[in-house]
């Protein structure tokens, strides 16, 4: 994978870094890797990575969603993966305790107010029947909070 692309992912605000938190009940040394966040709500997260990890119930991922003010630490288990060009598309279930939901939702919503690129509705972007050449493509994060 091109290290330039990984650095671009790491420089995004907000950005997400993934690491293996636990494997077969044992804590793992945290070596973080940038991933590209595609969608998230309080129960699941979808992202692209250059790593090809196995989908195992015995593996718990750590995901740090951060901007210049705060880092929100999340834990997830991979549900499925599929190839996406040279990358892997992952979907994971988040494990957020009920009493943490309001705090995490608030932090993520605050991060969205400071997004460095235009955010557009998935339905507006996805339902364009005739994308004209003068429209530039949008990058978007689909938060459902």
N, C-alpha and C. Protein backbone atom coordinates (compact mmCIF):
# COMPACT_ATOMS: atom_id res chain seq x y z
N UNK A 1 0.85 -1.19 0.00
CA UNK A 1 0.00 0.00 0.00
C UNK A 1 0.88 1.23 0.00
N UNK A 2 0.46 2.22 -0.71
CA UNK A 2 1.20 3.46 -0.82
C UNK A 2 1.19 4.20 0.52
N UNK A 3 2.38 4.46 1.07
CA UNK A 3 2.47 5.13 2.37
C UNK A 3 1.94 6.56 2.31
N UNK A 4 1.95 7.16 1.12
CA UNK A 4 1.41 8.51 0.95
C UNK A 4 -0.10 8.53 1.24
N UNK A 5 -0.79 7.50 0.75
CA UNK A 5 -2.23 7.42 0.99
C UNK A 5 -2.52 7.23 2.47
N UNK A 6 -1.75 6.35 3.12
CA UNK A 6 -1.94 6.14 4.56
C UNK A 6 -1.69 7.43 5.34
N UNK A 7 -0.70 8.20 4.92
CA UNK A 7 -0.43 9.47 5.60
C UNK A 7 -1.58 10.45 5.39
N UNK A 8 -2.17 10.45 4.19
CA UNK A 8 -3.34 11.31 3.93
C UNK A 8 -4.49 10.93 4.86
N UNK A 9 -4.71 9.62 5.04
CA UNK A 9 -5.77 9.17 5.95
C UNK A 9 -5.47 9.63 7.37
N UNK A 10 -4.21 9.52 7.78
CA UNK A 10 -3.82 9.91 9.14
C UNK A 10 -3.98 11.41 9.36
N UNK A 11 -3.85 12.21 8.28
CA UNK A 11 -3.94 13.66 8.39
C UNK A 11 -5.37 14.19 8.33
N UNK A 12 -6.33 13.35 7.95
CA UNK A 12 -7.73 13.81 7.91
C UNK A 12 -8.20 14.19 9.30
N UNK A 13 -9.17 15.08 9.36
CA UNK A 13 -9.80 15.43 10.64
C UNK A 13 -11.30 15.31 10.46
N UNK A 14 -11.99 14.47 11.17
CA UNK A 14 -11.43 13.49 12.10
C UNK A 14 -10.73 12.36 11.35
N UNK A 15 -9.82 11.70 12.05
CA UNK A 15 -9.16 10.53 11.48
C UNK A 15 -9.41 9.32 12.37
N UNK A 16 -9.16 8.15 11.83
CA UNK A 16 -9.38 6.91 12.59
C UNK A 16 -8.13 6.05 12.46
N UNK A 17 -7.68 5.53 13.58
CA UNK A 17 -6.58 4.58 13.61
C UNK A 17 -7.11 3.28 14.22
N UNK A 18 -6.71 2.17 13.63
CA UNK A 18 -7.16 0.85 14.08
C UNK A 18 -5.98 0.10 14.67
N UNK A 19 -6.26 -0.75 15.63
CA UNK A 19 -5.26 -1.65 16.20
C UNK A 19 -5.98 -2.86 16.76
N UNK A 20 -5.25 -3.95 16.91
CA UNK A 20 -5.83 -5.14 17.54
C UNK A 20 -5.70 -4.96 19.04
N UNK A 21 -6.83 -4.89 19.73
CA UNK A 21 -6.88 -4.67 21.18
C UNK A 21 -6.68 -5.98 21.94
N UNK A 22 -7.36 -7.01 21.45
CA UNK A 22 -7.38 -8.28 22.18
C UNK A 22 -7.50 -9.42 21.18
N UNK A 23 -6.79 -10.51 21.44
CA UNK A 23 -6.87 -11.69 20.58
C UNK A 23 -6.88 -12.93 21.46
N UNK A 24 -7.94 -13.73 21.33
CA UNK A 24 -8.15 -14.92 22.16
C UNK A 24 -8.05 -14.58 23.65
N UNK A 25 -8.62 -13.45 24.05
CA UNK A 25 -8.66 -13.07 25.46
C UNK A 25 -7.39 -12.44 25.99
N UNK A 26 -6.37 -12.29 25.17
CA UNK A 26 -5.10 -11.70 25.61
C UNK A 26 -4.93 -10.32 24.99
N UNK A 27 -4.46 -9.38 25.80
CA UNK A 27 -4.21 -8.03 25.32
C UNK A 27 -3.04 -8.07 24.33
N UNK A 28 -3.11 -7.22 23.32
CA UNK A 28 -2.09 -7.16 22.28
C UNK A 28 -1.42 -5.79 22.34
N UNK A 29 -0.11 -5.74 22.07
CA UNK A 29 0.60 -4.48 22.02
C UNK A 29 0.00 -3.62 20.92
N UNK A 30 -0.32 -2.38 21.23
CA UNK A 30 -1.04 -1.51 20.30
C UNK A 30 -0.11 -0.88 19.27
N UNK A 31 -0.20 -1.35 18.05
CA UNK A 31 0.48 -0.73 16.91
C UNK A 31 -0.63 -0.21 16.01
N UNK A 32 -0.81 1.09 16.00
CA UNK A 32 -1.93 1.70 15.28
C UNK A 32 -1.63 1.84 13.80
N UNK A 33 -2.73 1.77 13.03
CA UNK A 33 -2.64 1.91 11.57
C UNK A 33 -3.80 2.78 11.12
N UNK A 34 -3.56 3.80 10.27
CA UNK A 34 -4.67 4.63 9.80
C UNK A 34 -5.63 3.83 8.91
N UNK A 35 -6.91 4.13 9.04
CA UNK A 35 -7.94 3.56 8.17
C UNK A 35 -8.80 4.72 7.69
N UNK A 36 -9.57 4.48 6.63
CA UNK A 36 -10.44 5.52 6.08
C UNK A 36 -11.87 5.23 6.52
N UNK A 37 -12.42 6.11 7.34
CA UNK A 37 -13.78 5.98 7.84
C UNK A 37 -14.78 6.24 6.73
N UNK A 38 -15.72 5.31 6.52
CA UNK A 38 -16.74 5.47 5.49
C UNK A 38 -18.13 5.70 6.09
N UNK A 39 -18.42 5.08 7.21
CA UNK A 39 -19.73 5.23 7.83
C UNK A 39 -19.69 4.77 9.27
N UNK A 40 -20.57 5.35 10.08
CA UNK A 40 -20.57 5.02 11.49
C UNK A 40 -21.88 5.42 12.13
N UNK A 41 -22.33 4.62 13.07
CA UNK A 41 -23.41 5.01 13.95
C UNK A 41 -23.04 4.50 15.34
N UNK A 42 -23.95 4.50 16.28
CA UNK A 42 -23.61 4.09 17.63
C UNK A 42 -23.52 2.57 17.78
N UNK A 43 -23.78 1.83 16.72
CA UNK A 43 -23.72 0.37 16.80
C UNK A 43 -22.71 -0.25 15.86
N UNK A 44 -22.29 0.46 14.81
CA UNK A 44 -21.42 -0.15 13.80
C UNK A 44 -20.52 0.91 13.16
N UNK A 45 -19.47 0.42 12.54
CA UNK A 45 -18.52 1.27 11.82
C UNK A 45 -18.07 0.55 10.56
N UNK A 46 -17.91 1.30 9.48
CA UNK A 46 -17.45 0.76 8.21
C UNK A 46 -16.23 1.56 7.78
N UNK A 47 -15.17 0.87 7.37
CA UNK A 47 -13.93 1.55 7.02
C UNK A 47 -13.13 0.74 6.01
N UNK A 48 -12.19 1.42 5.36
CA UNK A 48 -11.24 0.79 4.44
C UNK A 48 -9.89 0.68 5.13
N UNK A 49 -9.19 -0.42 4.85
CA UNK A 49 -7.85 -0.62 5.38
C UNK A 49 -6.99 -1.32 4.35
N UNK A 50 -5.69 -1.14 4.49
CA UNK A 50 -4.76 -1.86 3.63
C UNK A 50 -4.38 -3.21 4.23
N UNK A 51 -4.80 -3.47 5.45
CA UNK A 51 -4.50 -4.74 6.11
C UNK A 51 -5.60 -5.77 5.81
N UNK A 52 -5.20 -7.01 5.67
CA UNK A 52 -6.16 -8.10 5.44
C UNK A 52 -6.25 -8.92 6.72
N UNK A 53 -7.18 -8.55 7.58
CA UNK A 53 -7.36 -9.23 8.86
C UNK A 53 -8.40 -10.32 8.75
N UNK A 54 -8.28 -11.38 9.56
CA UNK A 54 -9.31 -12.41 9.57
C UNK A 54 -10.55 -11.92 10.34
N UNK A 55 -11.71 -12.39 9.95
CA UNK A 55 -12.94 -12.08 10.68
C UNK A 55 -13.13 -13.18 11.71
N UNK A 56 -12.71 -12.89 12.95
CA UNK A 56 -12.76 -13.86 14.03
C UNK A 56 -13.47 -13.27 15.23
N UNK A 57 -14.33 -14.04 15.86
CA UNK A 57 -15.03 -13.54 17.04
C UNK A 57 -14.09 -13.37 18.22
N UNK A 58 -12.91 -13.99 18.19
CA UNK A 58 -11.95 -13.90 19.28
C UNK A 58 -11.07 -12.65 19.20
N UNK A 59 -11.27 -11.83 18.17
CA UNK A 59 -10.44 -10.65 17.99
C UNK A 59 -11.26 -9.38 18.25
N UNK A 60 -10.75 -8.52 19.12
CA UNK A 60 -11.38 -7.23 19.41
C UNK A 60 -10.47 -6.14 18.86
N UNK A 61 -11.03 -5.28 18.03
CA UNK A 61 -10.28 -4.16 17.47
C UNK A 61 -10.46 -2.94 18.35
N UNK A 62 -9.43 -2.13 18.41
CA UNK A 62 -9.52 -0.81 18.99
C UNK A 62 -9.56 0.19 17.84
N UNK A 63 -10.40 1.19 17.94
CA UNK A 63 -10.51 2.23 16.93
C UNK A 63 -10.46 3.58 17.64
N UNK A 64 -9.46 4.37 17.31
CA UNK A 64 -9.34 5.71 17.87
C UNK A 64 -9.84 6.71 16.83
N UNK A 65 -10.96 7.35 17.13
CA UNK A 65 -11.50 8.40 16.27
C UNK A 65 -11.05 9.71 16.91
N UNK A 66 -10.25 10.49 16.18
CA UNK A 66 -9.67 11.66 16.81
C UNK A 66 -9.64 12.87 15.89
N UNK A 67 -9.67 14.02 16.52
CA UNK A 67 -9.44 15.28 15.83
C UNK A 67 -8.41 16.04 16.67
N UNK A 68 -8.31 17.33 16.48
CA UNK A 68 -7.28 18.09 17.20
C UNK A 68 -7.63 18.30 18.68
N UNK A 69 -8.85 17.96 19.10
CA UNK A 69 -9.28 18.22 20.48
C UNK A 69 -9.42 16.96 21.34
N UNK A 70 -9.86 15.87 20.75
CA UNK A 70 -10.20 14.71 21.58
C UNK A 70 -9.98 13.43 20.79
N UNK A 71 -9.75 12.35 21.51
CA UNK A 71 -9.65 11.01 20.92
C UNK A 71 -10.73 10.14 21.56
N UNK A 72 -11.63 9.61 20.76
CA UNK A 72 -12.69 8.73 21.25
C UNK A 72 -12.24 7.30 20.97
N UNK A 73 -12.07 6.52 22.04
CA UNK A 73 -11.62 5.12 21.91
C UNK A 73 -12.84 4.21 21.84
N UNK A 74 -12.89 3.42 20.78
CA UNK A 74 -14.00 2.50 20.57
C UNK A 74 -13.46 1.08 20.45
N UNK A 75 -14.30 0.10 20.79
CA UNK A 75 -13.95 -1.31 20.61
C UNK A 75 -14.97 -1.94 19.69
N UNK A 76 -14.48 -2.83 18.82
CA UNK A 76 -15.36 -3.41 17.81
C UNK A 76 -14.91 -4.84 17.48
N UNK A 77 -15.85 -5.60 16.94
CA UNK A 77 -15.56 -6.92 16.40
C UNK A 77 -15.95 -6.92 14.93
N UNK A 78 -15.04 -7.43 14.09
CA UNK A 78 -15.32 -7.48 12.66
C UNK A 78 -16.50 -8.40 12.39
N UNK A 79 -17.40 -7.95 11.51
CA UNK A 79 -18.56 -8.75 11.11
C UNK A 79 -18.37 -9.33 9.72
N UNK A 80 -17.82 -8.53 8.82
CA UNK A 80 -17.54 -9.01 7.47
C UNK A 80 -16.49 -8.12 6.83
N UNK A 81 -15.93 -8.66 5.75
CA UNK A 81 -14.97 -7.90 4.95
C UNK A 81 -15.15 -8.30 3.50
N UNK A 82 -14.70 -7.42 2.60
CA UNK A 82 -14.71 -7.74 1.19
C UNK A 82 -13.62 -6.93 0.50
N UNK A 83 -13.04 -7.48 -0.56
CA UNK A 83 -12.01 -6.74 -1.29
C UNK A 83 -12.60 -5.48 -1.90
N UNK A 84 -11.78 -4.45 -1.94
CA UNK A 84 -12.17 -3.16 -2.51
C UNK A 84 -10.94 -2.62 -3.23
N UNK A 85 -10.71 -3.11 -4.46
CA UNK A 85 -9.48 -2.78 -5.17
C UNK A 85 -8.30 -3.38 -4.44
N UNK A 86 -7.31 -2.55 -4.14
CA UNK A 86 -6.14 -3.01 -3.38
C UNK A 86 -6.39 -3.01 -1.88
N UNK A 87 -7.55 -2.51 -1.47
CA UNK A 87 -7.88 -2.37 -0.05
C UNK A 87 -8.90 -3.42 0.37
N UNK A 88 -9.21 -3.40 1.66
CA UNK A 88 -10.25 -4.27 2.21
C UNK A 88 -11.30 -3.38 2.87
N UNK A 89 -12.56 -3.62 2.54
CA UNK A 89 -13.69 -2.93 3.16
C UNK A 89 -14.14 -3.78 4.35
N UNK A 90 -14.21 -3.16 5.53
CA UNK A 90 -14.61 -3.85 6.75
C UNK A 90 -15.88 -3.23 7.32
N UNK A 91 -16.70 -4.09 7.92
CA UNK A 91 -17.85 -3.63 8.70
C UNK A 91 -17.74 -4.31 10.06
N UNK A 92 -17.86 -3.51 11.12
CA UNK A 92 -17.67 -4.02 12.48
C UNK A 92 -18.79 -3.54 13.38
N UNK A 93 -19.14 -4.38 14.34
CA UNK A 93 -20.08 -3.98 15.38
C UNK A 93 -19.30 -3.32 16.51
N UNK A 94 -19.78 -2.14 16.92
CA UNK A 94 -19.15 -1.44 18.03
C UNK A 94 -19.67 -1.97 19.36
N UNK A 95 -18.82 -1.95 20.35
CA UNK A 95 -19.20 -2.36 21.70
C UNK A 95 -19.11 -1.14 22.61
N UNK A 96 -20.22 -0.39 22.65
CA UNK A 96 -20.30 0.82 23.45
C UNK A 96 -21.26 0.57 24.60
N UNK A 97 -20.78 0.81 25.81
CA UNK A 97 -21.66 0.64 26.97
C UNK A 97 -22.72 1.73 26.94
N UNK A 98 -23.91 1.38 27.39
CA UNK A 98 -25.05 2.29 27.29
C UNK A 98 -24.76 3.64 27.93
N UNK A 99 -24.07 3.64 29.06
CA UNK A 99 -23.79 4.92 29.74
C UNK A 99 -22.75 5.77 29.00
N UNK A 100 -22.03 5.19 28.04
CA UNK A 100 -21.06 5.94 27.26
C UNK A 100 -21.64 6.50 25.96
N UNK A 101 -22.80 6.03 25.56
CA UNK A 101 -23.38 6.39 24.27
C UNK A 101 -23.56 7.89 24.12
N UNK A 102 -24.10 8.56 25.11
CA UNK A 102 -24.35 10.00 25.02
C UNK A 102 -23.05 10.77 24.87
N UNK A 103 -22.04 10.42 25.67
CA UNK A 103 -20.74 11.10 25.58
C UNK A 103 -20.12 10.91 24.20
N UNK A 104 -20.07 9.67 23.74
CA UNK A 104 -19.45 9.36 22.45
C UNK A 104 -20.20 10.05 21.31
N UNK A 105 -21.52 10.00 21.35
CA UNK A 105 -22.34 10.67 20.33
C UNK A 105 -22.05 12.17 20.31
N UNK A 106 -21.98 12.77 21.47
CA UNK A 106 -21.69 14.21 21.56
C UNK A 106 -20.32 14.55 20.99
N UNK A 107 -19.31 13.76 21.32
CA UNK A 107 -17.97 14.02 20.81
C UNK A 107 -17.91 13.87 19.29
N UNK A 108 -18.54 12.82 18.77
CA UNK A 108 -18.52 12.61 17.32
C UNK A 108 -19.29 13.70 16.59
N UNK A 109 -20.41 14.13 17.14
CA UNK A 109 -21.16 15.23 16.52
C UNK A 109 -20.34 16.52 16.54
N UNK A 110 -19.60 16.79 17.62
CA UNK A 110 -18.75 17.97 17.68
C UNK A 110 -17.65 17.88 16.62
N UNK A 111 -17.08 16.69 16.44
CA UNK A 111 -16.05 16.51 15.41
C UNK A 111 -16.60 16.84 14.03
N UNK A 112 -17.84 16.46 13.78
CA UNK A 112 -18.44 16.71 12.46
C UNK A 112 -18.59 18.18 12.15
N UNK A 113 -18.77 19.01 13.19
CA UNK A 113 -18.91 20.44 12.94
C UNK A 113 -17.61 21.06 12.45
N UNK A 114 -16.50 20.35 12.62
CA UNK A 114 -15.20 20.87 12.21
C UNK A 114 -14.60 20.09 11.04
N UNK A 115 -15.42 19.35 10.30
CA UNK A 115 -14.94 18.56 9.18
C UNK A 115 -14.28 19.48 8.16
N UNK A 116 -13.14 19.06 7.63
CA UNK A 116 -12.36 19.89 6.71
C UNK A 116 -12.86 19.83 5.27
N UNK A 117 -13.76 18.92 4.95
CA UNK A 117 -14.27 18.84 3.58
C UNK A 117 -15.79 18.84 3.65
N UNK A 118 -16.39 19.14 2.51
CA UNK A 118 -17.85 19.22 2.48
C UNK A 118 -18.48 17.88 2.81
N UNK A 119 -19.48 17.91 3.65
CA UNK A 119 -20.25 16.71 3.96
C UNK A 119 -21.60 16.86 3.27
N UNK A 120 -22.03 15.82 2.59
CA UNK A 120 -23.32 15.85 1.91
C UNK A 120 -24.12 14.63 2.30
N UNK A 121 -25.41 14.73 2.15
CA UNK A 121 -26.29 13.62 2.45
C UNK A 121 -26.02 12.46 1.51
N UNK A 122 -25.97 11.26 2.04
CA UNK A 122 -25.76 10.08 1.20
C UNK A 122 -26.88 9.97 0.16
N UNK A 123 -28.12 10.26 0.57
CA UNK A 123 -29.22 10.13 -0.38
C UNK A 123 -29.10 11.15 -1.50
N UNK A 124 -28.69 12.38 -1.17
CA UNK A 124 -28.54 13.40 -2.21
C UNK A 124 -27.41 13.04 -3.16
N UNK A 125 -26.32 12.55 -2.61
CA UNK A 125 -25.16 12.20 -3.43
C UNK A 125 -25.43 10.93 -4.23
N UNK A 126 -26.02 9.94 -3.60
CA UNK A 126 -26.24 8.65 -4.24
C UNK A 126 -27.38 8.62 -5.23
N UNK A 127 -28.31 9.56 -5.13
CA UNK A 127 -29.49 9.54 -6.00
C UNK A 127 -29.35 10.45 -7.21
N UNK A 128 -28.16 10.98 -7.45
CA UNK A 128 -27.96 11.83 -8.62
C UNK A 128 -28.10 10.97 -9.87
N UNK A 129 -29.16 11.23 -10.68
CA UNK A 129 -29.43 10.40 -11.86
C UNK A 129 -28.53 10.77 -13.02
N UNK A 130 -28.16 12.04 -13.12
CA UNK A 130 -27.33 12.48 -14.23
C UNK A 130 -26.18 13.32 -13.69
N UNK A 131 -25.14 12.65 -13.18
CA UNK A 131 -24.04 13.46 -12.64
C UNK A 131 -23.35 14.23 -13.75
N UNK A 132 -23.49 15.54 -13.72
CA UNK A 132 -22.91 16.35 -14.78
C UNK A 132 -21.41 16.53 -14.53
N UNK A 133 -20.65 16.72 -15.61
CA UNK A 133 -19.20 16.81 -15.46
C UNK A 133 -18.72 18.00 -14.63
N UNK A 134 -19.53 19.08 -14.55
CA UNK A 134 -19.07 20.23 -13.79
C UNK A 134 -19.20 20.01 -12.28
N UNK A 135 -19.93 18.98 -11.84
CA UNK A 135 -20.04 18.69 -10.41
C UNK A 135 -18.81 17.93 -9.95
N UNK A 136 -18.14 18.46 -8.93
CA UNK A 136 -16.98 17.75 -8.42
C UNK A 136 -17.44 16.64 -7.48
N UNK A 137 -16.70 15.54 -7.41
CA UNK A 137 -17.10 14.46 -6.50
C UNK A 137 -16.91 14.89 -5.05
N UNK A 138 -17.79 14.44 -4.18
CA UNK A 138 -17.71 14.76 -2.76
C UNK A 138 -17.19 13.56 -2.00
N UNK A 139 -16.37 13.83 -1.01
CA UNK A 139 -16.04 12.79 -0.04
C UNK A 139 -17.00 13.04 1.12
N UNK A 140 -17.54 12.00 1.69
CA UNK A 140 -18.47 12.20 2.78
C UNK A 140 -18.32 11.12 3.83
N UNK A 141 -18.69 11.48 5.03
CA UNK A 141 -18.76 10.52 6.13
C UNK A 141 -20.21 10.39 6.48
N UNK A 142 -20.71 9.19 6.50
CA UNK A 142 -22.12 8.93 6.75
C UNK A 142 -22.32 8.61 8.22
N UNK A 143 -22.44 9.64 9.05
CA UNK A 143 -22.69 9.43 10.47
C UNK A 143 -24.20 9.38 10.70
N UNK A 144 -24.63 8.39 11.42
CA UNK A 144 -26.04 8.28 11.80
C UNK A 144 -26.06 8.25 13.32
N UNK A 145 -26.21 9.41 13.91
CA UNK A 145 -26.14 9.51 15.38
C UNK A 145 -27.41 10.16 15.90
